[in-house]
Protein backbone atom coordinates (compact mmCIF):
# COMPACT_ATOMS: atom_id res chain seq x y z
CA MET A 1 -16.46 89.65 -25.80
CA THR A 2 -18.85 92.37 -24.56
CA ASN A 3 -18.73 95.99 -25.63
CA ASN A 4 -17.35 96.96 -22.20
CA ASP A 5 -14.51 94.47 -22.57
CA ALA A 6 -13.75 95.76 -26.06
CA ASN A 7 -13.74 99.35 -24.82
CA ASN A 8 -11.52 98.45 -21.89
CA ASN A 9 -9.05 96.69 -24.18
CA LYS A 10 -9.03 99.65 -26.52
CA MET A 11 -8.43 102.02 -23.61
CA ALA A 12 -5.62 99.81 -22.31
CA ARG A 13 -3.95 99.86 -25.73
CA MET A 14 -4.23 103.65 -25.89
CA VAL A 15 -2.72 104.04 -22.42
CA ALA A 16 0.11 101.66 -23.34
CA ALA A 17 0.79 103.61 -26.54
CA LEU A 18 0.82 106.88 -24.57
CA ASP A 19 3.27 105.40 -22.07
CA ARG A 20 5.57 104.30 -24.89
CA LEU A 21 5.44 107.81 -26.34
CA VAL A 22 6.22 109.39 -22.98
CA ASN A 23 9.09 106.99 -22.33
CA TYR A 24 10.55 107.84 -25.74
CA PHE A 25 11.20 111.42 -24.61
CA ILE A 26 12.74 110.59 -21.22
CA PRO A 27 16.58 110.63 -21.27
CA ALA A 28 18.45 107.71 -19.71
CA LYS A 29 19.87 109.91 -16.94
CA ILE A 30 16.39 110.94 -15.77
CA ASN A 31 15.02 107.43 -16.26
CA ALA A 32 17.58 106.08 -13.77
CA ASP A 33 16.12 108.24 -10.95
CA ARG A 34 12.64 107.15 -9.86
CA ASP A 35 11.51 110.55 -8.50
CA ALA A 36 12.90 112.44 -11.50
CA ARG A 37 11.25 109.92 -13.82
CA ASN A 38 7.87 110.43 -12.16
CA ARG A 39 8.13 114.23 -12.49
CA ALA A 40 9.22 113.87 -16.11
CA HIS A 41 6.20 111.63 -16.79
CA VAL A 42 3.80 114.28 -15.47
CA PHE A 43 5.70 117.01 -17.33
CA LEU A 44 5.52 115.15 -20.65
CA ILE A 45 1.86 114.19 -20.28
CA SER A 46 1.09 117.85 -19.61
CA HIS A 47 2.99 118.98 -22.71
CA ILE A 48 1.70 116.24 -25.02
CA LEU A 49 -2.00 116.39 -24.14
CA GLY A 50 -2.24 119.87 -22.55
CA PRO A 51 -1.94 121.88 -25.79
CA PHE A 52 -4.92 119.98 -27.23
CA ILE A 53 -7.04 121.17 -24.30
CA GLY A 54 -5.52 124.66 -24.17
CA SER A 55 -5.98 125.24 -27.91
CA VAL A 56 -9.74 125.22 -27.36
CA VAL A 57 -9.43 128.78 -25.94
CA PRO A 58 -7.87 130.48 -29.01
CA ILE A 59 -10.21 128.51 -31.26
CA ALA A 60 -13.19 129.78 -29.25
CA LEU A 61 -11.82 133.33 -29.38
CA TYR A 62 -11.43 133.10 -33.14
CA VAL A 63 -15.02 131.89 -33.50
CA LEU A 64 -16.64 134.18 -30.94
CA ASP A 65 -14.66 137.39 -31.56
CA PRO A 66 -16.24 139.43 -34.38
CA HIS A 67 -12.83 140.97 -35.10
CA PRO A 68 -10.02 138.53 -34.18
CA ASP A 69 -6.56 140.09 -34.36
CA PHE A 70 -2.90 139.29 -33.66
CA ALA A 71 -3.63 138.56 -29.97
CA VAL A 72 -5.41 135.31 -30.90
CA ALA A 73 -2.53 134.24 -33.17
CA ILE A 74 0.12 134.91 -30.51
CA LEU A 75 -1.94 133.02 -27.91
CA ALA A 76 -2.30 130.08 -30.28
CA LEU A 77 1.44 130.06 -31.03
CA SER A 78 2.31 130.24 -27.32
CA ILE A 79 0.07 127.28 -26.55
CA GLY A 80 1.47 125.30 -29.50
CA ALA A 81 4.99 126.03 -28.24
CA PHE A 82 4.39 123.56 -25.42
CA TRP A 83 4.86 120.75 -27.93
CA VAL A 84 8.48 121.79 -28.36
CA PHE A 85 9.37 120.99 -24.74
CA PRO A 86 9.31 117.15 -25.02
CA PHE A 87 11.79 117.30 -27.91
CA ALA A 88 13.97 119.72 -25.96
CA LEU A 89 13.99 117.31 -23.01
CA ARG A 90 14.96 114.40 -25.25
CA ALA A 91 17.69 116.56 -26.82
CA GLY A 92 19.35 116.91 -23.43
CA VAL A 93 18.14 120.28 -22.14
CA PRO A 94 18.31 120.12 -18.30
CA TYR A 95 14.94 119.30 -16.79
CA ASN A 96 14.64 121.96 -14.06
CA PRO A 97 15.35 125.00 -16.32
CA LEU A 98 13.02 123.51 -18.93
CA ALA A 99 10.24 123.13 -16.32
CA LEU A 100 10.67 126.76 -15.21
CA ILE A 101 10.57 127.98 -18.82
CA SER A 102 7.38 125.96 -19.32
CA ILE A 103 5.79 127.58 -16.26
CA GLN A 104 6.80 130.99 -17.57
CA ASN A 105 5.23 130.24 -20.93
CA LEU A 106 2.00 129.16 -19.19
CA ILE A 107 1.97 132.39 -17.13
CA PHE A 108 2.43 134.38 -20.31
CA CYS A 109 -0.42 132.57 -22.10
CA ILE A 110 -2.82 133.18 -19.19
CA LEU A 111 -1.93 136.84 -18.60
CA TRP A 112 -1.88 137.56 -22.33
CA SER A 113 -5.41 136.21 -22.82
CA CYS A 114 -6.59 138.09 -19.70
CA TYR A 115 -5.05 141.36 -20.86
CA PHE A 116 -6.63 141.36 -24.29
CA TYR A 117 -9.93 139.78 -23.36
CA GLY A 118 -11.47 141.37 -20.31
CA GLY A 119 -8.53 142.24 -18.06
CA VAL A 120 -8.96 141.15 -14.44
CA ALA A 121 -12.53 140.09 -15.26
CA SER A 122 -11.40 137.91 -18.19
CA PRO A 123 -13.09 134.50 -18.54
CA THR A 124 -9.61 132.95 -18.83
CA VAL A 125 -8.63 133.95 -15.27
CA PRO A 126 -9.45 130.42 -13.88
CA TRP A 127 -6.39 129.12 -15.71
CA ILE A 128 -4.22 130.88 -13.11
CA LEU A 129 -5.08 128.03 -10.72
CA THR A 130 -3.06 125.67 -12.88
CA ILE A 131 0.19 127.55 -12.19
CA PRO A 132 0.78 126.40 -8.57
CA LEU A 133 -0.54 122.97 -9.52
CA LEU A 134 2.05 122.57 -12.26
CA ALA A 135 4.78 124.01 -10.07
CA PHE A 136 3.98 121.25 -7.55
CA PHE A 137 3.87 118.55 -10.23
CA TYR A 138 6.94 119.65 -12.18
CA LEU A 139 9.32 120.72 -9.43
CA GLY A 140 8.65 118.12 -6.76
CA SER A 141 9.74 118.86 -3.21
CA SER A 142 12.46 121.38 -4.06
CA ALA A 143 11.68 124.50 -1.98
CA ARG A 144 14.17 126.58 -3.95
CA LEU A 145 12.57 125.81 -7.30
CA ARG A 146 9.09 126.45 -5.91
CA LEU A 147 10.23 129.86 -4.63
CA ILE A 148 11.64 130.63 -8.06
CA ALA A 149 8.30 129.70 -9.65
CA ILE A 150 6.39 131.89 -7.16
CA GLY A 151 8.81 134.75 -7.82
CA MET A 152 8.33 134.37 -11.58
CA PHE A 153 4.56 134.56 -11.13
CA ALA A 154 4.86 137.65 -8.92
CA VAL A 155 7.07 139.43 -11.47
CA ASN A 156 4.67 138.59 -14.30
CA VAL A 157 1.66 139.84 -12.31
CA ALA A 158 3.54 143.05 -11.51
CA VAL A 159 4.28 143.63 -15.18
CA PHE A 160 0.68 142.84 -16.07
CA SER A 161 -0.58 145.24 -13.41
CA ALA A 162 1.76 147.98 -14.62
CA PHE A 163 0.50 147.69 -18.16
CA TYR A 164 -3.09 147.34 -16.97
CA THR A 165 -3.06 150.45 -14.75
CA HIS A 166 -0.82 152.85 -16.67
CA GLY A 167 -2.56 153.72 -19.86
CA PHE A 168 -2.45 150.55 -21.90
CA PRO A 169 -6.11 149.88 -22.56
CA THR A 170 -7.46 146.34 -22.59
CA ARG A 171 -10.11 145.09 -24.95
CA ASN A 172 -13.63 145.16 -23.56
CA ASP A 173 -15.55 145.19 -26.81
CA LEU A 174 -16.48 141.52 -26.95
CA PRO A 175 -20.23 140.96 -26.98
CA LEU A 176 -21.69 139.66 -23.72
CA ALA A 177 -22.69 136.40 -25.38
CA ALA A 178 -19.12 135.95 -26.62
CA LEU A 179 -17.72 136.57 -23.13
CA GLN A 180 -20.16 134.11 -21.65
CA GLY A 181 -19.29 131.49 -24.26
CA LEU A 182 -15.58 132.09 -23.73
CA GLY A 183 -16.09 131.77 -19.98
CA ILE A 184 -17.85 128.42 -20.37
CA VAL A 185 -15.23 127.08 -22.79
CA SER A 186 -12.31 128.36 -20.69
CA THR A 187 -13.71 126.97 -17.44
CA ILE A 188 -14.44 123.56 -18.95
CA ALA A 189 -10.99 123.42 -20.56
CA ALA A 190 -9.26 124.44 -17.32
CA SER A 191 -11.28 121.87 -15.37
CA LEU A 192 -10.41 119.12 -17.83
CA TYR A 193 -6.76 120.06 -17.73
CA VAL A 194 -6.61 120.08 -13.93
CA ALA A 195 -8.58 116.84 -13.73
CA MET A 196 -6.29 115.18 -16.27
CA MET A 197 -3.18 116.20 -14.39
CA ALA A 198 -4.63 115.23 -11.01
CA ILE A 199 -5.76 111.81 -12.25
CA TYR A 200 -2.42 111.08 -13.91
CA TYR A 201 -0.49 112.24 -10.86
CA ALA A 202 -2.70 110.08 -8.63
CA ASN A 203 -1.98 107.10 -10.90
CA VAL A 204 1.75 107.80 -10.69
CA GLN A 205 1.54 107.97 -6.91
CA ALA A 206 -0.53 104.78 -6.78
CA SER A 207 1.98 102.99 -9.00
CA GLN A 208 4.82 104.24 -6.83
CA ALA A 209 3.05 103.07 -3.68
CA GLU A 210 2.44 99.66 -5.27
CA LEU A 211 6.08 99.49 -6.33
CA GLU A 212 7.24 100.39 -2.83
CA SER A 213 4.92 97.75 -1.41
CA LYS A 214 6.36 95.12 -3.75
CA MET A 215 9.87 96.25 -2.89
CA ARG A 216 9.11 95.81 0.79
CA GLU A 217 7.74 92.35 0.06
CA HIS A 218 10.85 91.48 -1.95
CA MET A 219 13.07 92.80 0.83
CA THR A 220 11.18 90.69 3.34
CA ILE A 221 11.49 87.63 1.10
CA ALA A 222 15.20 88.39 0.56
CA ALA A 223 15.71 88.58 4.32
CA GLU A 224 13.88 85.27 4.75
CA LEU A 225 15.99 83.74 1.99
CA ARG A 226 19.17 84.95 3.65
CA THR A 227 18.02 83.43 6.93
CA ALA A 228 17.08 80.18 5.19
CA THR A 229 20.42 80.14 3.35
CA ALA A 230 22.29 80.65 6.60
CA GLU A 231 20.31 77.85 8.20
CA ALA A 232 20.93 75.60 5.20
CA GLU A 233 24.64 76.36 5.36
CA ARG A 234 24.67 75.54 9.07
CA ALA A 235 22.75 72.35 8.39
CA GLY A 236 25.13 71.45 5.57
CA ALA A 237 28.14 72.11 7.77
CA ALA A 238 26.59 70.01 10.52
CA LYS A 239 25.88 67.21 8.03
CA ALA A 240 29.43 67.34 6.68
CA GLU A 241 30.88 67.33 10.18
CA PHE A 242 28.63 64.45 11.19
CA LEU A 243 29.61 62.38 8.16
CA ALA A 244 33.27 63.21 8.64
CA ARG A 245 33.10 62.08 12.28
CA MET A 246 31.08 58.99 11.37
CA SER A 247 33.29 57.91 8.47
CA HIS A 248 35.44 55.69 10.66
CA GLU A 249 32.44 54.28 12.53
CA LEU A 250 30.66 53.50 9.25
CA ARG A 251 33.61 51.94 7.48
CA THR A 252 34.97 49.85 10.37
CA PRO A 253 32.00 47.45 10.73
CA LEU A 254 31.63 47.20 6.96
CA ASN A 255 35.29 46.28 6.57
CA ALA A 256 34.79 43.63 9.24
CA VAL A 257 31.76 42.20 7.40
CA ILE A 258 33.63 42.19 4.10
CA GLY A 259 36.80 40.73 5.62
CA TYR A 260 35.14 37.94 7.56
CA SER A 261 32.82 37.07 4.66
CA GLN A 262 35.89 36.81 2.44
CA ILE A 263 37.57 34.44 4.92
CA LEU A 264 34.42 32.33 5.26
CA LEU A 265 33.97 32.32 1.51
CA GLU A 266 37.49 31.03 0.94
CA GLU A 267 36.99 28.33 3.57
CA ALA A 268 33.68 27.26 2.02
CA GLU A 269 35.31 27.06 -1.41
CA ASP A 270 38.17 24.96 0.00
CA GLU A 271 35.67 22.62 1.69
CA GLY A 272 33.46 22.41 -1.41
CA ASP A 273 30.40 23.74 0.43
CA ASP A 274 28.61 25.13 -2.64
CA GLY A 275 25.50 26.19 -0.72
CA SER A 276 27.48 28.33 1.68
CA VAL A 277 29.56 29.74 -1.19
CA VAL A 278 26.46 31.17 -2.83
CA ASP A 279 25.21 32.77 0.38
CA LEU A 280 28.61 34.10 1.42
CA THR A 281 29.18 35.51 -2.08
CA LYS A 282 25.95 37.47 -1.76
CA ILE A 283 26.95 38.76 1.68
CA HIS A 284 30.41 39.71 0.44
CA SER A 285 29.05 41.49 -2.67
CA ALA A 286 26.40 43.33 -0.66
CA GLY A 287 29.04 44.49 1.84
CA GLN A 288 31.30 45.75 -0.93
CA HIS A 289 28.38 47.53 -2.58
CA LEU A 290 27.36 49.15 0.69
CA LEU A 291 30.94 50.23 1.36
CA LYS A 292 31.08 51.75 -2.10
CA LEU A 293 27.89 53.73 -1.42
CA VAL A 294 29.19 54.90 1.95
CA ASN A 295 32.45 56.03 0.36
CA GLU A 296 30.57 57.92 -2.34
CA VAL A 297 28.35 59.72 0.16
CA LEU A 298 31.31 60.61 2.35
CA ASP A 299 33.38 61.84 -0.59
CA LEU A 300 30.50 63.96 -1.90
CA SER A 301 29.96 65.41 1.54
CA LYS A 302 33.65 66.21 1.95
CA ILE A 303 33.82 67.90 -1.48
CA GLU A 304 30.69 69.98 -0.81
CA ALA A 305 32.09 71.01 2.57
CA GLY A 306 35.33 72.12 0.89
CA LYS A 307 37.42 69.70 2.95
CA MET A 308 38.56 67.42 0.16
CA GLU A 309 42.27 67.98 -0.55
CA LEU A 310 44.38 66.88 -3.50
CA ASP A 311 47.33 64.58 -2.98
CA LEU A 312 49.44 65.51 -5.99
CA ARG A 313 52.34 63.23 -6.83
CA GLU A 314 54.06 61.57 -9.73
CA ALA A 315 51.98 58.78 -11.22
CA ASN A 316 52.05 56.59 -14.29
CA VAL A 317 48.70 57.25 -15.96
CA ALA A 318 48.86 54.12 -18.12
CA GLU A 319 49.28 51.87 -15.09
CA LEU A 320 46.43 53.61 -13.27
CA LEU A 321 44.06 53.00 -16.17
CA ASP A 322 45.30 49.45 -16.62
CA GLU A 323 44.42 48.68 -12.99
CA LEU A 324 40.91 50.04 -13.52
CA VAL A 325 40.36 47.87 -16.59
CA HIS A 326 41.54 44.73 -14.80
CA ALA A 327 39.23 45.49 -11.89
CA ALA A 328 36.25 46.09 -14.20
CA ASN A 329 36.82 43.07 -16.47
CA PRO A 330 34.87 40.54 -14.34
CA ALA A 331 31.74 42.74 -14.23
CA ALA A 332 32.10 43.47 -17.94
CA ALA A 333 32.44 39.79 -18.78
CA ALA A 334 29.33 39.01 -16.72
CA ASN A 335 27.38 41.34 -19.01
CA GLY A 336 29.03 39.95 -22.14
CA ASN A 337 31.08 43.09 -22.71
CA GLU A 338 34.61 43.66 -23.93
CA ILE A 339 36.73 46.50 -22.51
CA VAL A 340 39.35 47.85 -24.90
CA LEU A 341 42.09 50.08 -23.49
CA THR A 342 43.97 52.46 -25.78
CA ILE A 343 46.78 54.59 -24.37
CA ALA A 344 48.81 57.11 -26.37
CA ALA A 345 52.55 56.53 -26.25
CA ASP A 346 53.39 60.04 -25.00
CA ILE A 347 51.23 60.01 -21.85
CA GLY A 348 54.13 58.99 -19.63
CA THR A 349 54.27 60.01 -15.98
CA ARG A 350 52.16 62.97 -14.88
CA ARG A 351 51.70 64.93 -11.69
CA CYS A 352 48.17 64.26 -10.46
CA ASP A 353 46.15 62.79 -7.60
CA PRO A 354 46.17 59.12 -8.64
CA MET A 355 43.47 58.00 -6.19
CA LYS A 356 41.02 60.68 -7.27
CA LEU A 357 41.85 60.22 -10.95
CA GLN A 358 41.15 56.51 -10.61
CA GLY A 359 37.99 57.19 -8.61
CA MET A 360 36.64 59.53 -11.28
CA VAL A 361 37.40 57.21 -14.20
CA ARG A 362 36.17 54.18 -12.22
CA GLN A 363 32.75 55.79 -11.83
CA LEU A 364 32.53 56.39 -15.58
CA LEU A 365 33.77 52.91 -16.42
CA ASP A 366 31.41 51.22 -13.93
CA ASN A 367 28.55 53.24 -15.37
CA ALA A 368 29.42 52.11 -18.91
CA VAL A 369 29.71 48.45 -17.81
CA LYS A 370 26.39 48.54 -15.96
CA PHE A 371 24.38 50.00 -18.85
CA THR A 372 25.96 47.92 -21.66
CA GLU A 373 25.16 44.31 -22.50
CA ASN A 374 26.96 42.19 -25.10
CA GLY A 375 28.75 45.24 -26.36
CA ARG A 376 32.04 47.07 -26.34
CA ILE A 377 33.50 49.65 -24.00
CA ASP A 378 36.48 51.73 -25.10
CA LEU A 379 38.71 53.45 -22.57
CA ALA A 380 41.07 55.72 -24.49
CA ALA A 381 43.62 58.18 -23.10
CA ARG A 382 45.70 60.75 -24.96
CA ILE A 383 47.57 64.00 -24.37
CA GLU A 384 46.90 67.34 -26.00
CA HIS A 385 50.03 69.42 -25.70
CA GLY A 386 49.71 73.09 -24.75
CA THR A 387 52.00 76.02 -24.04
CA ALA A 388 51.37 76.17 -20.27
CA ASN A 389 50.05 72.71 -19.38
CA ASP A 390 49.28 69.57 -21.26
CA THR A 391 45.72 68.30 -21.19
CA LEU A 392 44.90 64.70 -20.36
CA VAL A 393 41.90 63.54 -22.41
CA ILE A 394 40.14 60.32 -21.39
CA ASP A 395 37.22 58.95 -23.39
CA VAL A 396 34.86 56.28 -22.07
CA ILE A 397 32.76 55.11 -24.98
CA ASP A 398 30.11 52.41 -24.74
CA THR A 399 27.50 50.82 -26.97
CA GLY A 400 24.90 50.65 -24.22
CA ILE A 401 21.38 51.95 -23.79
CA GLY A 402 22.27 55.62 -24.15
CA VAL A 403 20.39 58.59 -22.73
CA GLU A 404 17.72 60.85 -24.16
CA SER A 405 19.07 64.28 -25.10
CA SER A 406 16.53 65.95 -22.78
CA ARG A 407 17.99 64.09 -19.78
CA ILE A 408 21.68 64.67 -20.44
CA ASP A 409 21.81 67.86 -18.37
CA GLN A 410 20.48 65.94 -15.36
CA LEU A 411 23.05 63.15 -15.42
CA PHE A 412 25.49 64.88 -13.08
CA GLU A 413 22.96 65.85 -10.44
CA ASN A 414 23.02 64.05 -7.10
CA PHE A 415 20.73 61.00 -7.00
CA SER A 416 19.94 61.36 -10.70
CA VAL A 417 19.48 58.33 -12.93
CA ALA A 418 18.43 58.02 -16.55
CA ASP A 419 14.82 57.15 -15.72
CA ASP A 420 12.68 55.03 -13.44
CA THR A 421 12.96 52.01 -15.75
CA SER A 422 16.75 52.14 -15.59
CA THR A 423 16.62 52.35 -11.81
CA SER A 424 14.47 49.26 -11.45
CA LYS A 425 16.41 47.25 -14.04
CA TYR A 426 20.03 48.32 -13.44
CA GLY A 427 19.90 49.66 -9.89
CA GLY A 428 22.04 52.51 -8.64
CA THR A 429 21.58 55.64 -6.57
CA GLY A 430 22.71 58.21 -9.11
CA LEU A 431 25.73 59.28 -7.05
CA GLY A 432 28.47 57.92 -9.32
CA LEU A 433 28.35 60.49 -12.11
CA ALA A 434 27.80 63.34 -9.66
CA LEU A 435 30.89 62.27 -7.73
CA SER A 436 32.97 61.84 -10.88
CA GLN A 437 32.14 65.34 -12.05
CA LYS A 438 32.92 66.89 -8.65
CA LEU A 439 36.23 65.05 -8.51
CA CYS A 440 37.06 66.22 -12.02
CA THR A 441 36.18 69.81 -11.14
CA LEU A 442 38.28 69.55 -7.98
CA MET A 443 41.27 68.61 -10.15
CA GLY A 444 40.63 71.55 -12.51
CA GLY A 445 39.03 69.55 -15.28
CA GLU A 446 35.68 69.13 -17.03
CA ILE A 447 33.51 66.24 -18.13
CA PHE A 448 31.63 66.32 -21.41
CA VAL A 449 29.01 63.87 -22.57
CA GLU A 450 27.25 62.95 -25.76
CA SER A 451 24.67 60.21 -25.90
CA GLU A 452 22.05 58.82 -28.23
CA LEU A 453 19.22 56.65 -26.96
CA GLY A 454 19.76 53.02 -27.95
CA LYS A 455 23.21 53.63 -29.47
CA GLY A 456 25.48 54.37 -26.54
CA SER A 457 27.28 57.20 -24.79
CA CYS A 458 30.62 58.97 -24.88
CA PHE A 459 31.99 60.55 -21.69
CA THR A 460 35.07 62.73 -22.20
CA VAL A 461 37.31 63.93 -19.36
CA ARG A 462 39.64 66.86 -19.97
CA MET A 463 41.99 67.94 -17.20
CA PRO A 464 45.32 69.78 -17.10
CA VAL A 465 48.38 67.70 -16.20
CA PRO A 466 51.99 68.91 -16.17
CA ALA A 467 54.46 66.56 -17.83
CA LEU A 468 57.22 65.03 -15.70
CA ARG A 469 58.77 62.35 -17.87
CA LEU A 470 57.56 61.45 -21.30
CA ASP A 471 59.85 58.43 -21.61
CA VAL A 472 58.01 56.37 -18.99
CA VAL A 473 55.57 53.96 -20.60
CA ALA A 474 53.35 51.52 -18.80
CA SER A 475 55.14 48.33 -17.96
CA GLY A 476 53.75 44.92 -17.20
CA PRO A 477 50.76 43.19 -18.77
CA LEU A 478 48.08 45.60 -19.91
CA ALA A 479 44.51 45.04 -20.84
CA PRO A 480 43.86 44.38 -24.53
CA GLN A 481 45.23 47.26 -26.58
CA ALA A 482 43.41 48.74 -29.53
CA ASP A 483 44.82 50.75 -32.34
CA ALA A 484 43.29 54.23 -32.73
CA ALA A 485 41.92 53.23 -36.09
CA ASN A 486 39.72 50.61 -34.41
CA LEU A 487 37.99 53.05 -32.07
CA PRO A 488 34.37 54.01 -32.73
CA PRO A 489 33.87 57.21 -34.78
CA ALA A 490 34.84 60.33 -32.86
CA ARG A 491 31.95 62.23 -31.33
CA THR A 492 31.79 65.90 -30.58
CA PRO A 493 31.25 66.09 -26.81
CA VAL A 494 28.66 68.44 -25.37
CA THR A 495 29.14 70.03 -21.94
CA ALA A 496 26.78 68.62 -19.34
CA ASN A 497 25.48 70.96 -16.69
CA GLY A 498 26.05 69.49 -13.28
């Protein structure tokens, strides 16, 4: 690092420290108003640094005057009094009266030094130029306050003139060399003070102009974002309308393909045509898979468009889950998995949307079956009783590949899969979990997930369900039941952001 860089860094640290000191004295009420804050900044800089520059005058008088008297002491005290103003501002004294009092104190200091050290020819007369400058800096654009400041100056000059012309002698006994030295010191000090204030005010104005420029840029960007958002909403609405209109056209040919392939498959099986059975099975499976994808896309589109409605009616939750397990058993068996269904005795009949409840749980169950090999999948349902509504809790627990903790938050995003390896090995578009979460949210519930890579996952659904009849228990053959004691250890679910 060069010396210039070191000096620049040191200067930057000093400026930052000065800004922190200035901000310390600004009350919250003033800080909330940009113009008032800028005036307060200039006011505080003037009162923090100004006395250091102004004190040079009484020090010079004390050194140059062969017989310094009380006039030097009073001048020094008046200049030092400027340091009180920042604390008064922080204490809550109103800014405008405080600024006027400060201007009055400055007028007093200048006229006092002029009166006792040379009168109208005093070397400290140049300091009078700072009065209108400070009035402009402190009082801003308020014409009334500026008139008050001008009136104060006129009254002070009148009093000074009265004393000066009516028998109150001024001191003129300073040696010529002392007057010349005082003139040099006073002029330099006044010039430094004015330059300091002008530079700081220019910096404030430059910062304000830069801020206004950035605000205009942000406003332009905000307007562009609003336009882009409106266009995106129109595009989304158009997409949803298109998909809604095309749903029949998309499903009809697929149903025909699936139906006719099923008929041909049954005929080939009856005729013992094994070669055709293999081909027709592939066609039939591909058609069902494509129909499933189409349904998922259409359902997602309808939910995002706000057109998905709930069909609430009385339903036996145990039977709904039993149907899902029976439907998933062939795929589970193909992967060497066992599905164990556990249903609490008090679930009974609940008011819900059975199709959407099944659709949500089916997505979770299919996901568990797909990512588990030679393992176990537990589907457990229970009721947590509450004062207003009961809560249906459904756990889908598998011993599959699991998910890294860093990827859990992405599971419920559209077209999200665990990773590229999973996509190539297990397939899938990443719509299933996104759809299940949106369906759950639509029904007023939440989905939680906990997973550990290589050890499996636990998806937990919690949704409110009012009780209708608690004496209705699933009838008919159910999937294999498991006692609660045989379930895997309970896991604390973590909310997944979707």
